[in-house]
N, C-alpha and C. Protein backbone atom coordinates (compact mmCIF):
# COMPACT_ATOMS: atom_id res chain seq x y z
N MET A 1 -51.94 -43.63 -49.15
CA MET A 1 -51.51 -43.89 -48.02
C MET A 1 -50.63 -44.68 -47.81
N SER A 2 -50.90 -46.01 -48.55
CA SER A 2 -49.98 -47.56 -48.63
C SER A 2 -48.51 -46.75 -49.44
N ASP A 3 -48.68 -45.89 -50.43
CA ASP A 3 -47.25 -45.58 -51.11
C ASP A 3 -46.58 -44.95 -50.16
N VAL A 4 -47.12 -44.00 -49.15
CA VAL A 4 -46.16 -43.04 -48.24
C VAL A 4 -45.57 -44.12 -47.36
N ASP A 5 -46.58 -45.35 -46.86
CA ASP A 5 -46.01 -46.56 -45.95
C ASP A 5 -44.90 -47.10 -46.37
N GLU A 6 -44.99 -47.19 -47.80
CA GLU A 6 -43.90 -48.13 -48.51
C GLU A 6 -42.52 -47.01 -48.78
N LYS A 7 -42.64 -45.97 -48.69
CA LYS A 7 -41.31 -45.16 -48.81
C LYS A 7 -40.51 -44.81 -47.47
N LEU A 8 -41.25 -44.66 -46.66
CA LEU A 8 -41.06 -44.64 -45.12
C LEU A 8 -40.65 -45.89 -44.75
N THR A 9 -40.89 -46.81 -44.96
CA THR A 9 -40.45 -48.28 -44.85
C THR A 9 -39.17 -48.59 -45.50
N LEU A 10 -38.80 -48.14 -46.57
CA LEU A 10 -37.87 -48.20 -47.51
C LEU A 10 -36.58 -47.34 -47.04
N GLU A 11 -37.13 -46.21 -46.64
CA GLU A 11 -36.23 -45.16 -46.15
C GLU A 11 -35.33 -45.68 -44.80
N VAL A 12 -36.29 -46.39 -43.66
CA VAL A 12 -35.82 -46.84 -42.62
C VAL A 12 -34.83 -47.90 -43.01
N LEU A 13 -35.03 -48.98 -43.58
CA LEU A 13 -34.36 -50.11 -43.79
C LEU A 13 -33.17 -49.83 -44.75
N LYS A 14 -33.09 -48.50 -45.79
CA LYS A 14 -31.85 -48.22 -46.20
C LYS A 14 -30.82 -47.35 -44.89
N LYS A 15 -31.42 -47.03 -44.00
CA LYS A 15 -30.80 -46.44 -42.87
C LYS A 15 -30.25 -47.67 -41.88
N LEU A 16 -31.06 -48.84 -41.72
CA LEU A 16 -30.45 -50.18 -41.00
C LEU A 16 -29.53 -50.48 -41.81
N GLN A 17 -29.62 -50.67 -43.07
CA GLN A 17 -28.55 -51.23 -43.85
C GLN A 17 -27.31 -50.37 -43.84
N GLN A 18 -27.08 -49.10 -43.94
CA GLN A 18 -26.00 -48.12 -43.95
C GLN A 18 -25.27 -48.64 -42.49
N ARG A 19 -26.14 -48.57 -41.46
CA ARG A 19 -25.55 -49.04 -39.87
C ARG A 19 -25.05 -50.05 -39.95
N LEU A 20 -25.73 -51.18 -40.38
CA LEU A 20 -25.55 -52.19 -40.07
C LEU A 20 -23.97 -52.62 -41.11
N LEU A 21 -23.51 -52.02 -42.29
CA LEU A 21 -22.40 -52.08 -42.97
C LEU A 21 -21.39 -51.29 -42.35
N HIS A 22 -21.70 -50.29 -41.48
CA HIS A 22 -20.74 -49.36 -40.97
C HIS A 22 -20.31 -50.03 -39.70
N ALA A 23 -21.24 -51.07 -38.75
CA ALA A 23 -20.87 -51.71 -37.65
C ALA A 23 -20.04 -52.92 -38.31
N GLU A 24 -20.46 -53.59 -39.43
CA GLU A 24 -19.57 -54.85 -39.86
C GLU A 24 -18.03 -54.34 -40.20
N ARG A 25 -18.01 -53.07 -40.62
CA ARG A 25 -16.33 -52.54 -41.04
C ARG A 25 -15.94 -52.32 -39.56
N ARG A 26 -16.47 -51.85 -38.50
CA ARG A 26 -16.04 -51.47 -37.06
C ARG A 26 -15.58 -52.70 -36.47
N ILE A 27 -16.23 -53.89 -36.62
CA ILE A 27 -16.37 -55.08 -36.09
C ILE A 27 -14.90 -55.94 -36.84
N GLY A 28 -14.57 -55.62 -38.18
CA GLY A 28 -13.53 -55.98 -39.03
C GLY A 28 -12.36 -55.25 -38.33
N VAL A 29 -12.52 -54.24 -38.20
CA VAL A 29 -11.07 -53.56 -37.89
C VAL A 29 -10.91 -54.21 -36.30
N TYR A 30 -11.77 -54.58 -35.51
CA TYR A 30 -11.54 -55.05 -34.04
C TYR A 30 -10.89 -56.11 -34.27
N GLU A 31 -11.74 -57.06 -35.27
CA GLU A 31 -10.82 -58.39 -35.42
C GLU A 31 -9.48 -58.78 -35.49
N VAL A 32 -9.12 -57.40 -36.65
CA VAL A 32 -7.48 -57.56 -37.25
C VAL A 32 -7.14 -57.00 -35.76
N GLN A 33 -7.42 -56.06 -34.76
CA GLN A 33 -6.57 -55.47 -33.67
C GLN A 33 -6.37 -56.61 -32.51
N LEU A 34 -7.48 -57.38 -32.60
CA LEU A 34 -7.50 -58.73 -31.48
C LEU A 34 -6.52 -59.76 -32.29
N SER A 35 -6.56 -59.73 -33.35
CA SER A 35 -5.34 -60.63 -34.17
C SER A 35 -4.08 -60.09 -33.68
N VAL A 36 -3.83 -59.12 -33.91
CA VAL A 36 -2.58 -58.51 -33.42
C VAL A 36 -1.97 -58.59 -32.10
N TYR A 37 -3.05 -58.08 -31.30
CA TYR A 37 -2.90 -58.23 -29.79
C TYR A 37 -2.61 -59.99 -29.54
N ARG A 38 -3.22 -60.75 -30.05
CA ARG A 38 -3.23 -62.27 -29.80
C ARG A 38 -1.59 -62.59 -30.34
N GLU A 39 -1.13 -62.25 -31.24
CA GLU A 39 0.06 -62.51 -31.63
C GLU A 39 1.24 -61.69 -30.67
N HIS A 40 1.36 -60.87 -30.55
CA HIS A 40 1.92 -60.03 -29.54
C HIS A 40 2.11 -60.67 -28.43
N HIS A 41 1.17 -61.23 -28.00
CA HIS A 41 0.90 -61.85 -26.35
C HIS A 41 1.65 -62.74 -26.51
N ALA A 42 1.52 -63.80 -27.79
CA ALA A 42 2.21 -65.03 -27.71
C ALA A 42 3.89 -64.76 -27.94
N GLU A 43 4.27 -63.95 -28.38
CA GLU A 43 5.66 -63.30 -28.83
C GLU A 43 6.03 -62.85 -27.23
N VAL A 44 5.55 -62.49 -26.60
CA VAL A 44 5.76 -61.96 -25.32
C VAL A 44 5.75 -63.33 -24.33
N LEU A 45 4.91 -64.19 -24.73
CA LEU A 45 5.11 -65.90 -23.54
C LEU A 45 6.47 -66.19 -24.16
N ARG A 46 6.53 -66.31 -25.35
CA ARG A 46 7.75 -66.92 -25.97
C ARG A 46 9.18 -66.20 -25.35
N ASP A 47 8.98 -65.07 -25.35
CA ASP A 47 10.29 -64.21 -24.88
C ASP A 47 10.28 -64.51 -23.26
N LEU A 48 9.63 -64.70 -22.74
CA LEU A 48 9.41 -64.94 -21.20
C LEU A 48 9.89 -66.25 -21.03
N ARG A 49 9.28 -67.11 -21.91
CA ARG A 49 9.66 -68.91 -21.58
C ARG A 49 11.54 -68.84 -21.88
N THR A 50 11.87 -68.02 -22.68
CA THR A 50 13.63 -68.20 -23.57
C THR A 50 13.93 -67.40 -22.08
N ILE A 51 13.58 -66.56 -21.57
CA ILE A 51 14.36 -65.80 -20.35
C ILE A 51 14.49 -66.64 -19.00
N TYR A 52 13.16 -67.15 -18.86
CA TYR A 52 13.29 -68.13 -17.90
C TYR A 52 14.25 -69.68 -17.84
N GLN A 53 14.45 -70.06 -19.23
CA GLN A 53 15.16 -70.96 -19.62
C GLN A 53 16.59 -70.71 -19.56
N LEU A 54 16.98 -69.29 -19.96
CA LEU A 54 18.22 -68.98 -19.63
C LEU A 54 18.63 -68.80 -18.52
N LEU A 55 17.85 -68.35 -17.60
CA LEU A 55 17.91 -68.23 -16.11
C LEU A 55 18.33 -69.66 -15.51
N GLY A 56 17.77 -70.49 -15.65
CA GLY A 56 17.82 -71.56 -15.05
C GLY A 56 19.05 -72.40 -15.48
N GLN A 57 19.62 -71.90 -17.10
CA GLN A 57 20.77 -72.43 -17.17
C GLN A 57 21.89 -71.79 -16.35
N HIS A 58 21.64 -70.56 -16.30
CA HIS A 58 22.93 -69.82 -15.42
C HIS A 58 22.71 -70.10 -13.98
N HIS A 59 21.71 -70.66 -13.39
CA HIS A 59 21.65 -70.83 -12.23
C HIS A 59 22.22 -72.27 -12.14
N ASP A 60 21.98 -73.26 -12.80
CA ASP A 60 22.35 -74.74 -12.96
C ASP A 60 23.95 -74.17 -13.30
N ARG A 61 24.46 -73.66 -13.79
CA ARG A 61 26.15 -73.18 -14.05
C ARG A 61 26.55 -72.69 -12.66
N LEU A 62 26.08 -72.20 -12.13
CA LEU A 62 26.39 -71.59 -10.58
C LEU A 62 27.11 -72.67 -10.09
N GLY A 63 26.07 -73.48 -10.18
CA GLY A 63 25.95 -74.98 -9.17
C GLY A 63 25.97 -74.78 -7.52
N GLY A 64 26.46 -76.08 -7.07
CA GLY A 64 26.04 -76.24 -5.59
C GLY A 64 27.17 -75.17 -4.66
N ALA A 65 28.47 -74.93 -5.53
CA ALA A 65 28.93 -73.93 -4.24
C ALA A 65 28.32 -72.79 -4.21
N ASP A 66 27.77 -72.09 -5.18
CA ASP A 66 27.15 -70.83 -4.76
C ASP A 66 25.79 -70.98 -4.25
N ALA A 67 25.16 -72.12 -4.31
CA ALA A 67 23.84 -72.53 -3.35
C ALA A 67 24.10 -72.80 -2.14
N SER A 68 25.42 -73.14 -1.88
CA SER A 68 25.63 -73.87 -0.21
C SER A 68 25.79 -71.96 0.17
N HIS A 69 26.82 -71.49 -0.63
CA HIS A 69 27.02 -70.02 0.04
C HIS A 69 26.07 -69.38 0.42
N ARG A 70 25.06 -69.32 -0.69
CA ARG A 70 23.37 -68.68 -0.32
C ARG A 70 23.10 -69.07 0.69
N LYS A 71 23.06 -70.19 0.80
CA LYS A 71 22.41 -70.76 2.17
C LYS A 71 23.01 -70.63 3.29
N ALA A 72 24.36 -70.57 3.05
CA ALA A 72 25.23 -69.98 4.87
C ALA A 72 25.04 -68.47 4.80
N THR A 73 24.50 -67.57 3.82
CA THR A 73 24.70 -66.16 4.14
C THR A 73 23.30 -65.89 4.55
N LEU A 74 22.35 -66.30 3.67
CA LEU A 74 21.14 -65.94 3.72
C LEU A 74 20.36 -66.68 4.83
N VAL A 75 20.42 -68.37 4.82
CA VAL A 75 19.62 -68.53 5.96
C VAL A 75 20.40 -69.05 7.38
N PRO A 76 19.74 -68.44 8.24
CA PRO A 76 20.37 -68.36 9.54
C PRO A 76 20.22 -69.82 10.24
N ASP A 77 21.19 -70.31 10.73
CA ASP A 77 21.16 -71.44 11.59
C ASP A 77 20.00 -71.62 12.47
N ASP A 78 19.25 -73.27 12.64
CA ASP A 78 18.06 -73.01 13.15
C ASP A 78 18.48 -73.10 14.53
N PRO A 79 17.89 -72.48 15.76
CA PRO A 79 18.31 -71.85 17.04
C PRO A 79 17.88 -73.18 18.04
N ARG A 80 17.25 -74.03 17.54
CA ARG A 80 17.00 -75.13 18.14
C ARG A 80 17.70 -76.34 18.57
């Protein structure tokens, strides 16, 4: 009976080892995907920062004349 128990235990351990190896491989794939996602996210944030900087530069170039025109046309006078 002891020999049967040992064989059964060995089979169970082999199955567990196979499942663990499979899980480790899948985790490795997810780690790579997550790393790629993080890099892409950082690139998007850099692009957005550049866009906002360019918009700020254009806004500054338009200067006070445009700002006063926008205020005159978009903001009504205070009725009080």
